[in-house]
Amino acid sequence: MTEPTEEADMQEVSRLRIDCPHCGSHLRVRTSKTHLPEYRELYLYCINEWKCGYRCKGHVSIDETLVPSHCPNPDVSIRPSNWLLQKLALEAQGQISLGDFKPPKKE
């Protein structure tokens, strides 16, 4: 038996695990739909199909920008986090540089 590598550990950490609210087994994504770049609907099923059989719909959304993209999409407007707004204020004072990022305009 081999010991897990650091790469394998990183892969494990980066996986999203959702447990079935009824039996505690894993839920798996059967399919998903998206109409917006920052939002996705997930159709999930319990892997314990024969004893539980639970199916549901959920969603994943991107809510705040923590670090701006180096290649921003002009059609995507995700609000900056409070942390990023503080960094933008420091940039405006000339204390730091964030590059070409400009926060989305408020409507």
PDB file of N, CA and C in Angstrom:
ATOM      1  N   MET A   1       0.842  -1.179   0.000  1.00  0.00           N
ATOM      2  CA  MET A   1       0.000   0.000   0.000  1.00  0.00           C
ATOM      3  C   MET A   1       0.887   1.242   0.000  1.00  0.00           C
ATOM      4  N   THR A   2       0.568   2.207  -0.836  1.00  0.00           N
ATOM      5  CA  THR A   2       1.377   3.420  -0.928  1.00  0.00           C
ATOM      6  C   THR A   2       0.763   4.532  -0.096  1.00  0.00           C
ATOM      7  N   GLU A   3       1.635   5.454   0.310  1.00  0.00           N
ATOM      8  CA  GLU A   3       1.155   6.591   1.075  1.00  0.00           C
ATOM      9  C   GLU A   3       0.588   7.632   0.117  1.00  0.00           C
ATOM     10  N   PRO A   4      -0.450   8.366   0.553  1.00  0.00           N
ATOM     11  CA  PRO A   4      -1.022   9.386  -0.332  1.00  0.00           C
ATOM     12  C   PRO A   4      -0.015  10.499  -0.592  1.00  0.00           C
ATOM     13  N   THR A   5      -0.024  11.008  -1.810  1.00  0.00           N
ATOM     14  CA  THR A   5       0.870  12.103  -2.174  1.00  0.00           C
ATOM     15  C   THR A   5       0.211  13.434  -1.857  1.00  0.00           C
ATOM     16  N   GLU A   6       1.023  14.478  -1.871  1.00  0.00           N
ATOM     17  CA  GLU A   6       0.480  15.821  -1.626  1.00  0.00           C
ATOM     18  C   GLU A   6      -0.535  16.189  -2.699  1.00  0.00           C
ATOM     19  N   GLU A   7      -0.268  15.785  -3.946  1.00  0.00           N
ATOM     20  CA  GLU A   7      -1.195  16.067  -5.046  1.00  0.00           C
ATOM     21  C   GLU A   7      -2.539  15.386  -4.800  1.00  0.00           C
ATOM     22  N   ALA A   8      -2.513  14.143  -4.346  1.00  0.00           N
ATOM     23  CA  ALA A   8      -3.757  13.426  -4.046  1.00  0.00           C
ATOM     24  C   ALA A   8      -4.498  14.111  -2.913  1.00  0.00           C
ATOM     25  N   ASP A   9      -3.767  14.593  -1.899  1.00  0.00           N
ATOM     26  CA  ASP A   9      -4.403  15.310  -0.790  1.00  0.00           C
ATOM     27  C   ASP A   9      -5.085  16.576  -1.285  1.00  0.00           C
ATOM     28  N   MET A  10      -4.432  17.318  -2.207  1.00  0.00           N
ATOM     29  CA  MET A  10      -5.013  18.546  -2.743  1.00  0.00           C
ATOM     30  C   MET A  10      -6.275  18.237  -3.537  1.00  0.00           C
ATOM     31  N   GLN A  11      -6.293  17.144  -4.277  1.00  0.00           N
ATOM     32  CA  GLN A  11      -7.474  16.775  -5.038  1.00  0.00           C
ATOM     33  C   GLN A  11      -8.631  16.469  -4.098  1.00  0.00           C
ATOM     34  N   GLU A  12      -8.361  15.788  -3.001  1.00  0.00           N
ATOM     35  CA  GLU A  12      -9.399  15.446  -2.030  1.00  0.00           C
ATOM     36  C   GLU A  12      -9.986  16.712  -1.416  1.00  0.00           C
ATOM     37  N   VAL A  13      -9.128  17.666  -1.058  1.00  0.00           N
ATOM     38  CA  VAL A  13      -9.570  18.901  -0.424  1.00  0.00           C
ATOM     39  C   VAL A  13     -10.438  19.719  -1.365  1.00  0.00           C
ATOM     40  N   SER A  14     -10.150  19.675  -2.662  1.00  0.00           N
ATOM     41  CA  SER A  14     -10.850  20.536  -3.595  1.00  0.00           C
ATOM     42  C   SER A  14     -12.212  19.991  -4.031  1.00  0.00           C
ATOM     43  N   ARG A  15     -12.573  18.796  -3.611  1.00  0.00           N
ATOM     44  CA  ARG A  15     -13.859  18.228  -4.002  1.00  0.00           C
ATOM     45  C   ARG A  15     -14.974  18.702  -3.074  1.00  0.00           C
ATOM     46  N   LEU A  16     -16.094  19.010  -3.660  1.00  0.00           N
ATOM     47  CA  LEU A  16     -17.269  19.391  -2.896  1.00  0.00           C
ATOM     48  C   LEU A  16     -18.058  18.133  -2.570  1.00  0.00           C
ATOM     49  N   ARG A  17     -18.314  17.903  -1.300  1.00  0.00           N
ATOM     50  CA  ARG A  17     -19.083  16.735  -0.894  1.00  0.00           C
ATOM     51  C   ARG A  17     -20.380  17.219  -0.259  1.00  0.00           C
ATOM     52  N   ILE A  18     -21.479  16.714  -0.793  1.00  0.00           N
ATOM     53  CA  ILE A  18     -22.796  17.025  -0.233  1.00  0.00           C
ATOM     54  C   ILE A  18     -23.388  15.713   0.250  1.00  0.00           C
ATOM     55  N   ASP A  19     -23.790  15.681   1.508  1.00  0.00           N
ATOM     56  CA  ASP A  19     -24.369  14.474   2.080  1.00  0.00           C
ATOM     57  C   ASP A  19     -25.884  14.476   1.941  1.00  0.00           C
ATOM     58  N   CYS A  20     -26.442  13.297   1.788  1.00  0.00           N
ATOM     59  CA  CYS A  20     -27.891  13.146   1.734  1.00  0.00           C
ATOM     60  C   CYS A  20     -28.468  13.557   3.087  1.00  0.00           C
ATOM     61  N   PRO A  21     -29.470  14.433   3.107  1.00  0.00           N
ATOM     62  CA  PRO A  21     -30.044  14.860   4.380  1.00  0.00           C
ATOM     63  C   PRO A  21     -30.841  13.754   5.071  1.00  0.00           C
ATOM     64  N   HIS A  22     -31.131  12.663   4.366  1.00  0.00           N
ATOM     65  CA  HIS A  22     -31.932  11.582   4.939  1.00  0.00           C
ATOM     66  C   HIS A  22     -31.091  10.435   5.471  1.00  0.00           C
ATOM     67  N   CYS A  23     -30.173   9.907   4.647  1.00  0.00           N
ATOM     68  CA  CYS A  23     -29.419   8.723   5.082  1.00  0.00           C
ATOM     69  C   CYS A  23     -27.944   9.006   5.347  1.00  0.00           C
ATOM     70  N   GLY A  24     -27.442  10.174   4.962  1.00  0.00           N
ATOM     71  CA  GLY A  24     -26.050  10.527   5.212  1.00  0.00           C
ATOM     72  C   GLY A  24     -25.069  10.069   4.153  1.00  0.00           C
ATOM     73  N   SER A  25     -25.524   9.314   3.149  1.00  0.00           N
ATOM     74  CA  SER A  25     -24.642   8.925   2.044  1.00  0.00           C
ATOM     75  C   SER A  25     -24.323  10.149   1.196  1.00  0.00           C
ATOM     76  N   HIS A  26     -23.469   9.985   0.206  1.00  0.00           N
ATOM     77  CA  HIS A  26     -23.131  11.096  -0.686  1.00  0.00           C
ATOM     78  C   HIS A  26     -24.258  11.354  -1.683  1.00  0.00           C
ATOM     79  N   LEU A  27     -24.410  12.613  -2.063  1.00  0.00           N
ATOM     80  CA  LEU A  27     -25.248  12.974  -3.202  1.00  0.00           C
ATOM     81  C   LEU A  27     -24.324  13.167  -4.393  1.00  0.00           C
ATOM     82  N   ARG A  28     -24.743  12.734  -5.556  1.00  0.00           N
ATOM     83  CA  ARG A  28     -23.981  12.936  -6.785  1.00  0.00           C
ATOM     84  C   ARG A  28     -24.790  13.804  -7.733  1.00  0.00           C
ATOM     85  N   VAL A  29     -24.071  14.572  -8.534  1.00  0.00           N
ATOM     86  CA  VAL A  29     -24.714  15.414  -9.540  1.00  0.00           C
ATOM     87  C   VAL A  29     -25.046  14.534 -10.738  1.00  0.00           C
ATOM     88  N   ARG A  30     -26.327  14.487 -11.074  1.00  0.00           N
ATOM     89  CA  ARG A  30     -26.744  13.724 -12.259  1.00  0.00           C
ATOM     90  C   ARG A  30     -26.613  14.590 -13.501  1.00  0.00           C
ATOM     91  N   THR A  31     -27.055  15.839 -13.379  1.00  0.00           N
ATOM     92  CA  THR A  31     -26.943  16.795 -14.471  1.00  0.00           C
ATOM     93  C   THR A  31     -27.004  18.199 -13.881  1.00  0.00           C
ATOM     94  N   SER A  32     -26.720  19.178 -14.697  1.00  0.00           N
ATOM     95  CA  SER A  32     -26.801  20.567 -14.241  1.00  0.00           C
ATOM     96  C   SER A  32     -27.174  21.453 -15.422  1.00  0.00           C
ATOM     97  N   LYS A  33     -27.711  22.611 -15.086  1.00  0.00           N
ATOM     98  CA  LYS A  33     -28.118  23.595 -16.100  1.00  0.00           C
ATOM     99  C   LYS A  33     -27.605  24.960 -15.673  1.00  0.00           C
ATOM    100  N   THR A  34     -27.312  25.777 -16.657  1.00  0.00           N
ATOM    101  CA  THR A  34     -26.918  27.142 -16.347  1.00  0.00           C
ATOM    102  C   THR A  34     -27.477  28.095 -17.394  1.00  0.00           C
ATOM    103  N   HIS A  35     -27.882  29.259 -16.932  1.00  0.00           N
ATOM    104  CA  HIS A  35     -28.323  30.321 -17.821  1.00  0.00           C
ATOM    105  C   HIS A  35     -27.469  31.569 -17.598  1.00  0.00           C
ATOM    106  N   LEU A  36     -26.725  31.570 -16.497  1.00  0.00           N
ATOM    107  CA  LEU A  36     -25.857  32.685 -16.147  1.00  0.00           C
ATOM    108  C   LEU A  36     -24.472  32.136 -15.818  1.00  0.00           C
ATOM    109  N   PRO A  37     -23.401  32.876 -16.106  1.00  0.00           N
ATOM    110  CA  PRO A  37     -22.061  32.358 -15.829  1.00  0.00           C
ATOM    111  C   PRO A  37     -21.774  32.165 -14.342  1.00  0.00           C
ATOM    112  N   GLU A  38     -22.492  32.869 -13.471  1.00  0.00           N
ATOM    113  CA  GLU A  38     -22.215  32.779 -12.041  1.00  0.00           C
ATOM    114  C   GLU A  38     -23.246  31.944 -11.260  1.00  0.00           C
ATOM    115  N   TYR A  39     -24.092  31.199 -11.968  1.00  0.00           N
ATOM    116  CA  TYR A  39     -25.148  30.424 -11.305  1.00  0.00           C
ATOM    117  C   TYR A  39     -25.366  29.101 -12.030  1.00  0.00           C
ATOM    118  N   ARG A  40     -25.527  28.022 -11.281  1.00  0.00           N
ATOM    119  CA  ARG A  40     -25.761  26.705 -11.889  1.00  0.00           C
ATOM    120  C   ARG A  40     -26.745  25.920 -11.027  1.00  0.00           C
ATOM    121  N   GLU A  41     -27.763  25.361 -11.678  1.00  0.00           N
ATOM    122  CA  GLU A  41     -28.702  24.453 -11.002  1.00  0.00           C
ATOM    123  C   GLU A  41     -28.159  23.036 -11.091  1.00  0.00           C
ATOM    124  N   LEU A  42     -28.227  22.311  -9.980  1.00  0.00           N
ATOM    125  CA  LEU A  42     -27.740  20.941  -9.923  1.00  0.00           C
ATOM    126  C   LEU A  42     -28.897  19.998  -9.644  1.00  0.00           C
ATOM    127  N   TYR A  43     -28.935  18.892 -10.357  1.00  0.00           N
ATOM    128  CA  TYR A  43     -29.896  17.832 -10.089  1.00  0.00           C
ATOM    129  C   TYR A  43     -29.106  16.689  -9.467  1.00  0.00           C
ATOM    130  N   LEU A  44     -29.431  16.357  -8.221  1.00  0.00           N
ATOM    131  CA  LEU A  44     -28.636  15.428  -7.435  1.00  0.00           C
ATOM    132  C   LEU A  44     -29.415  14.164  -7.102  1.00  0.00           C
ATOM    133  N   TYR A  45     -28.672  13.080  -6.861  1.00  0.00           N
ATOM    134  CA  TYR A  45     -29.295  11.844  -6.396  1.00  0.00           C
ATOM    135  C   TYR A  45     -28.412  11.202  -5.338  1.00  0.00           C
ATOM    136  N   CYS A  46     -29.031  10.476  -4.426  1.00  0.00           N
ATOM    137  CA  CYS A  46     -28.331   9.774  -3.365  1.00  0.00           C
ATOM    138  C   CYS A  46     -27.706   8.509  -3.950  1.00  0.00           C
ATOM    139  N   ILE A  47     -26.434   8.255  -3.606  1.00  0.00           N
ATOM    140  CA  ILE A  47     -25.782   7.047  -4.123  1.00  0.00           C
ATOM    141  C   ILE A  47     -26.339   5.782  -3.468  1.00  0.00           C
ATOM    142  N   ASN A  48     -27.066   5.943  -2.381  1.00  0.00           N
ATOM    143  CA  ASN A  48     -27.718   4.830  -1.693  1.00  0.00           C
ATOM    144  C   ASN A  48     -29.114   4.654  -2.312  1.00  0.00           C
ATOM    145  N   GLU A  49     -29.133   4.404  -3.642  1.00  0.00           N
ATOM    146  CA  GLU A  49     -30.389   4.407  -4.402  1.00  0.00           C
ATOM    147  C   GLU A  49     -31.414   3.387  -3.918  1.00  0.00           C
ATOM    148  N   TRP A  50     -30.990   2.175  -3.572  1.00  0.00           N
ATOM    149  CA  TRP A  50     -31.955   1.118  -3.260  1.00  0.00           C
ATOM    150  C   TRP A  50     -32.543   1.251  -1.862  1.00  0.00           C
ATOM    151  N   LYS A  51     -31.764   1.750  -0.907  1.00  0.00           N
ATOM    152  CA  LYS A  51     -32.285   1.897   0.460  1.00  0.00           C
ATOM    153  C   LYS A  51     -32.876   3.282   0.717  1.00  0.00           C
ATOM    154  N   CYS A  52     -32.373   4.298   0.024  1.00  0.00           N
ATOM    155  CA  CYS A  52     -32.854   5.666   0.261  1.00  0.00           C
ATOM    156  C   CYS A  52     -33.580   6.213  -0.969  1.00  0.00           C
ATOM    157  N   GLY A  53     -32.867   6.373  -2.078  1.00  0.00           N
ATOM    158  CA  GLY A  53     -33.493   6.823  -3.323  1.00  0.00           C
ATOM    159  C   GLY A  53     -33.789   8.302  -3.422  1.00  0.00           C
ATOM    160  N   TYR A  54     -33.270   9.109  -2.502  1.00  0.00           N
ATOM    161  CA  TYR A  54     -33.563  10.539  -2.496  1.00  0.00           C
ATOM    162  C   TYR A  54     -32.978  11.231  -3.727  1.00  0.00           C
ATOM    163  N   ARG A  55     -33.762  12.171  -4.296  1.00  0.00           N
ATOM    164  CA  ARG A  55     -33.326  13.021  -5.408  1.00  0.00           C
ATOM    165  C   ARG A  55     -33.746  14.449  -5.101  1.00  0.00           C
ATOM    166  N   CYS A  56     -32.949  15.399  -5.548  1.00  0.00           N
ATOM    167  CA  CYS A  56     -33.262  16.796  -5.245  1.00  0.00           C
ATOM    168  C   CYS A  56     -32.622  17.717  -6.268  1.00  0.00           C
ATOM    169  N   LYS A  57     -32.970  18.986  -6.159  1.00  0.00           N
ATOM    170  CA  LYS A  57     -32.388  20.031  -6.994  1.00  0.00           C
ATOM    171  C   LYS A  57     -31.799  21.074  -6.062  1.00  0.00           C
ATOM    172  N   GLY A  58     -30.615  21.555  -6.381  1.00  0.00           N
ATOM    173  CA  GLY A  58     -29.970  22.606  -5.613  1.00  0.00           C
ATOM    174  C   GLY A  58     -29.308  23.584  -6.566  1.00  0.00           C
ATOM    175  N   HIS A  59     -28.540  24.487  -6.015  1.00  0.00           N
ATOM    176  CA  HIS A  59     -27.835  25.429  -6.880  1.00  0.00           C
ATOM    177  C   HIS A  59     -26.495  25.824  -6.281  1.00  0.00           C
ATOM    178  N   VAL A  60     -25.625  26.276  -7.147  1.00  0.00           N
ATOM    179  CA  VAL A  60     -24.332  26.828  -6.765  1.00  0.00           C
ATOM    180  C   VAL A  60     -24.250  28.198  -7.409  1.00  0.00           C
ATOM    181  N   SER A  61     -23.834  29.178  -6.622  1.00  0.00           N
ATOM    182  CA  SER A  61     -23.693  30.519  -7.183  1.00  0.00           C
ATOM    183  C   SER A  61     -22.374  31.133  -6.726  1.00  0.00           C
ATOM    184  N   ILE A  62     -21.846  31.996  -7.553  1.00  0.00           N
ATOM    185  CA  ILE A  62     -20.662  32.765  -7.204  1.00  0.00           C
ATOM    186  C   ILE A  62     -21.164  34.119  -6.738  1.00  0.00           C
ATOM    187  N   ASP A  63     -20.856  34.466  -5.481  1.00  0.00           N
ATOM    188  CA  ASP A  63     -21.461  35.644  -4.865  1.00  0.00           C
ATOM    189  C   ASP A  63     -20.562  36.877  -4.806  1.00  0.00           C
ATOM    190  N   GLU A  64     -19.261  36.681  -4.575  1.00  0.00           N
ATOM    191  CA  GLU A  64     -18.366  37.810  -4.406  1.00  0.00           C
ATOM    192  C   GLU A  64     -17.015  37.534  -5.065  1.00  0.00           C
ATOM    193  N   THR A  65     -16.389  38.593  -5.539  1.00  0.00           N
ATOM    194  CA  THR A  65     -15.031  38.510  -6.072  1.00  0.00           C
ATOM    195  C   THR A  65     -14.054  38.750  -4.932  1.00  0.00           C
ATOM    196  N   LEU A  66     -13.139  37.803  -4.736  1.00  0.00           N
ATOM    197  CA  LEU A  66     -12.095  37.970  -3.719  1.00  0.00           C
ATOM    198  C   LEU A  66     -10.812  38.513  -4.338  1.00  0.00           C
ATOM    199  N   VAL A  67     -10.456  37.985  -5.505  1.00  0.00           N
ATOM    200  CA  VAL A  67      -9.294  38.446  -6.258  1.00  0.00           C
ATOM    201  C   VAL A  67      -9.753  38.585  -7.709  1.00  0.00           C
ATOM    202  N   PRO A  68      -9.524  39.729  -8.318  1.00  0.00           N
ATOM    203  CA  PRO A  68      -9.992  39.934  -9.685  1.00  0.00           C
ATOM    204  C   PRO A  68      -9.287  39.018 -10.683  1.00  0.00           C
ATOM    205  N   SER A  69      -9.981  38.701 -11.763  1.00  0.00           N
ATOM    206  CA  SER A  69      -9.434  37.873 -12.837  1.00  0.00           C
ATOM    207  C   SER A  69      -8.397  38.664 -13.636  1.00  0.00           C
ATOM    208  N   HIS A  70      -7.402  37.946 -14.157  1.00  0.00           N
ATOM    209  CA  HIS A  70      -6.422  38.580 -15.047  1.00  0.00           C
ATOM    210  C   HIS A  70      -6.995  38.746 -16.455  1.00  0.00           C
ATOM    211  N   CYS A  71      -8.114  38.059 -16.729  1.00  0.00           N
ATOM    212  CA  CYS A  71      -8.753  38.178 -18.050  1.00  0.00           C
ATOM    213  C   CYS A  71     -10.269  38.313 -17.841  1.00  0.00           C
ATOM    214  N   PRO A  72     -10.728  39.424 -17.263  1.00  0.00           N
ATOM    215  CA  PRO A  72     -12.147  39.581 -16.923  1.00  0.00           C
ATOM    216  C   PRO A  72     -13.066  39.546 -18.138  1.00  0.00           C
ATOM    217  N   ASN A  73     -14.222  38.923 -17.950  1.00  0.00           N
ATOM    218  CA  ASN A  73     -15.257  38.875 -18.978  1.00  0.00           C
ATOM    219  C   ASN A  73     -16.138  40.105 -18.790  1.00  0.00           C
ATOM    220  N   PRO A  74     -16.251  40.987 -19.779  1.00  0.00           N
ATOM    221  CA  PRO A  74     -17.050  42.203 -19.614  1.00  0.00           C
ATOM    222  C   PRO A  74     -18.546  41.939 -19.419  1.00  0.00           C
ATOM    223  N   ASP A  75     -19.003  40.733 -19.757  1.00  0.00           N
ATOM    224  CA  ASP A  75     -20.421  40.394 -19.590  1.00  0.00           C
ATOM    225  C   ASP A  75     -20.744  39.865 -18.194  1.00  0.00           C
ATOM    226  N   VAL A  76     -19.725  39.677 -17.364  1.00  0.00           N
ATOM    227  CA  VAL A  76     -19.930  39.125 -16.011  1.00  0.00           C
ATOM    228  C   VAL A  76     -19.720  40.231 -14.998  1.00  0.00           C
ATOM    229  N   SER A  77     -20.683  40.374 -14.099  1.00  0.00           N
ATOM    230  CA  SER A  77     -20.594  41.395 -13.063  1.00  0.00           C
ATOM    231  C   SER A  77     -20.865  40.749 -11.701  1.00  0.00           C
ATOM    232  N   ILE A  78     -19.795  40.368 -11.021  1.00  0.00           N
ATOM    233  CA  ILE A  78     -19.901  39.775  -9.690  1.00  0.00           C
ATOM    234  C   ILE A  78     -19.355  40.792  -8.711  1.00  0.00           C
ATOM    235  N   ARG A  79     -20.134  41.120  -7.713  1.00  0.00           N
ATOM    236  CA  ARG A  79     -19.764  42.210  -6.807  1.00  0.00           C
ATOM    237  C   ARG A  79     -18.468  41.905  -6.058  1.00  0.00           C
ATOM    238  N   PRO A  80     -17.662  42.936  -5.817  1.00  0.00           N
ATOM    239  CA  PRO A  80     -16.434  42.735  -5.061  1.00  0.00           C
ATOM    240  C   PRO A  80     -16.741  42.539  -3.579  1.00  0.00           C
ATOM    241  N   SER A  81     -15.939  41.722  -2.915  1.00  0.00           N
ATOM    242  CA  SER A  81     -16.104  41.502  -1.481  1.00  0.00           C
ATOM    243  C   SER A  81     -15.666  42.752  -0.715  1.00  0.00           C
ATOM    244  N   ASN A  82     -16.044  42.838   0.543  1.00  0.00           N
ATOM    245  CA  ASN A  82     -15.614  43.965   1.372  1.00  0.00           C
ATOM    246  C   ASN A  82     -14.097  44.027   1.460  1.00  0.00           C
ATOM    247  N   TRP A  83     -13.461  42.849   1.534  1.00  0.00           N
ATOM    248  CA  TRP A  83     -12.002  42.780   1.579  1.00  0.00           C
ATOM    249  C   TRP A  83     -11.402  43.428   0.334  1.00  0.00           C
ATOM    250  N   LEU A  84     -11.948  43.090  -0.837  1.00  0.00           N
ATOM    251  CA  LEU A  84     -11.443  43.657  -2.090  1.00  0.00           C
ATOM    252  C   LEU A  84     -11.714  45.159  -2.148  1.00  0.00           C
ATOM    253  N   LEU A  85     -12.852  45.607  -1.667  1.00  0.00           N
ATOM    254  CA  LEU A  85     -13.150  47.040  -1.646  1.00  0.00           C
ATOM    255  C   LEU A  85     -12.130  47.805  -0.797  1.00  0.00           C
ATOM    256  N   GLN A  86     -11.711  47.192   0.313  1.00  0.00           N
ATOM    257  CA  GLN A  86     -10.672  47.818   1.147  1.00  0.00           C
ATOM    258  C   GLN A  86      -9.360  47.925   0.372  1.00  0.00           C
ATOM    259  N   LYS A  87      -9.029  46.862  -0.373  1.00  0.00           N
ATOM    260  CA  LYS A  87      -7.803  46.894  -1.177  1.00  0.00           C
ATOM    261  C   LYS A  87      -7.896  47.947  -2.285  1.00  0.00           C
ATOM    262  N   LEU A  88      -9.076  48.089  -2.879  1.00  0.00           N
ATOM    263  CA  LEU A  88      -9.274  49.121  -3.908  1.00  0.00           C
ATOM    264  C   LEU A  88      -9.105  50.517  -3.316  1.00  0.00           C
ATOM    265  N   ALA A  89      -9.563  50.706  -2.072  1.00  0.00           N
ATOM    266  CA  ALA A  89      -9.390  51.999  -1.406  1.00  0.00           C
ATOM    267  C   ALA A  89      -7.904  52.281  -1.170  1.00  0.00           C
ATOM    268  N   LEU A  90      -7.159  51.246  -0.781  1.00  0.00           N
ATOM    269  CA  LEU A  90      -5.712  51.410  -0.598  1.00  0.00           C
ATOM    270  C   LEU A  90      -5.025  51.727  -1.923  1.00  0.00           C
ATOM    271  N   GLU A  91      -5.503  51.116  -2.996  1.00  0.00           N
ATOM    272  CA  GLU A  91      -4.944  51.398  -4.316  1.00  0.00           C
ATOM    273  C   GLU A  91      -5.217  52.851  -4.701  1.00  0.00           C
ATOM    274  N   ALA A  92      -6.425  53.335  -4.412  1.00  0.00           N
ATOM    275  CA  ALA A  92      -6.774  54.727  -4.733  1.00  0.00           C
ATOM    276  C   ALA A  92      -5.877  55.703  -3.978  1.00  0.00           C
ATOM    277  N   GLN A  93      -5.394  55.299  -2.804  1.00  0.00           N
ATOM    278  CA  GLN A  93      -4.490  56.136  -2.015  1.00  0.00           C
ATOM    279  C   GLN A  93      -3.036  55.976  -2.457  1.00  0.00           C
ATOM    280  N   GLY A  94      -2.798  55.080  -3.429  1.00  0.00           N
ATOM    281  CA  GLY A  94      -1.448  54.862  -3.934  1.00  0.00           C
ATOM    282  C   GLY A  94      -0.605  53.931  -3.086  1.00  0.00           C
ATOM    283  N   GLN A  95      -1.220  53.231  -2.148  1.00  0.00           N
ATOM    284  CA  GLN A  95      -0.451  52.363  -1.250  1.00  0.00           C
ATOM    285  C   GLN A  95      -0.181  50.979  -1.834  1.00  0.00           C
ATOM    286  N   ILE A  96      -1.057  50.490  -2.719  1.00  0.00           N
ATOM    287  CA  ILE A  96      -0.869  49.189  -3.364  1.00  0.00           C
ATOM    288  C   ILE A  96      -1.335  49.292  -4.811  1.00  0.00           C
ATOM    289  N   SER A  97      -1.041  48.249  -5.622  1.00  0.00           N
ATOM    290  CA  SER A  97      -1.488  48.211  -7.007  1.00  0.00           C
ATOM    291  C   SER A  97      -2.190  46.886  -7.276  1.00  0.00           C
ATOM    292  N   LEU A  98      -3.397  46.958  -7.807  1.00  0.00           N
ATOM    293  CA  LEU A  98      -4.159  45.749  -8.142  1.00  0.00           C
ATOM    294  C   LEU A  98      -4.191  45.491  -9.638  1.00  0.00           C
ATOM    295  N   GLY A  99      -3.518  46.283 -10.430  1.00  0.00           N
ATOM    296  CA  GLY A  99      -3.517  46.087 -11.877  1.00  0.00           C
ATOM    297  C   GLY A  99      -4.664  46.822 -12.533  1.00  0.00           C
ATOM    298  N   ASP A 100      -5.252  46.197 -13.570  1.00  0.00           N
ATOM    299  CA  ASP A 100      -6.283  46.851 -14.377  1.00  0.00           C
ATOM    300  C   ASP A 100      -7.698  46.613 -13.889  1.00  0.00           C
ATOM    301  N   PHE A 101      -7.893  45.955 -12.744  1.00  0.00           N
ATOM    302  CA  PHE A 101      -9.241  45.613 -12.291  1.00  0.00           C
ATOM    303  C   PHE A 101     -10.013  46.867 -11.929  1.00  0.00           C
ATOM    304  N   LYS A 102     -11.241  46.926 -12.407  1.00  0.00           N
ATOM    305  CA  LYS A 102     -12.180  47.982 -12.046  1.00  0.00           C
ATOM    306  C   LYS A 102     -13.449  47.311 -11.532  1.00  0.00           C
ATOM    307  N   PRO A 103     -13.920  47.705 -10.344  1.00  0.00           N
ATOM    308  CA  PRO A 103     -15.127  47.072  -9.802  1.00  0.00           C
ATOM    309  C   PRO A 103     -16.333  47.382 -10.666  1.00  0.00           C
ATOM    310  N   PRO A 104     -17.351  46.498 -10.643  1.00  0.00           N
ATOM    311  CA  PRO A 104     -18.545  46.772 -11.439  1.00  0.00           C
ATOM    312  C   PRO A 104     -19.242  48.035 -10.962  1.00  0.00           C
ATOM    313  N   LYS A 105     -19.831  48.748 -11.913  1.00  0.00           N
ATOM    314  CA  LYS A 105     -20.563  49.964 -11.561  1.00  0.00           C
ATOM    315  C   LYS A 105     -21.886  49.591 -10.913  1.00  0.00           C
ATOM    316  N   LYS A 106     -22.243  50.319  -9.847  1.00  0.00           N
ATOM    317  CA  LYS A 106     -23.515  50.066  -9.172  1.00  0.00           C
ATOM    318  C   LYS A 106     -24.638  50.699  -9.971  1.00  0.00           C
ATOM    319  N   GLU A 107     -25.726  49.963 -10.094  1.00  0.00           N
ATOM    320  CA  GLU A 107     -26.868  50.454 -10.874  1.00  0.00           C
ATOM    321  C   GLU A 107     -27.833  51.219 -10.016  1.00  0.00           C
TER     322      GLU A 107
END
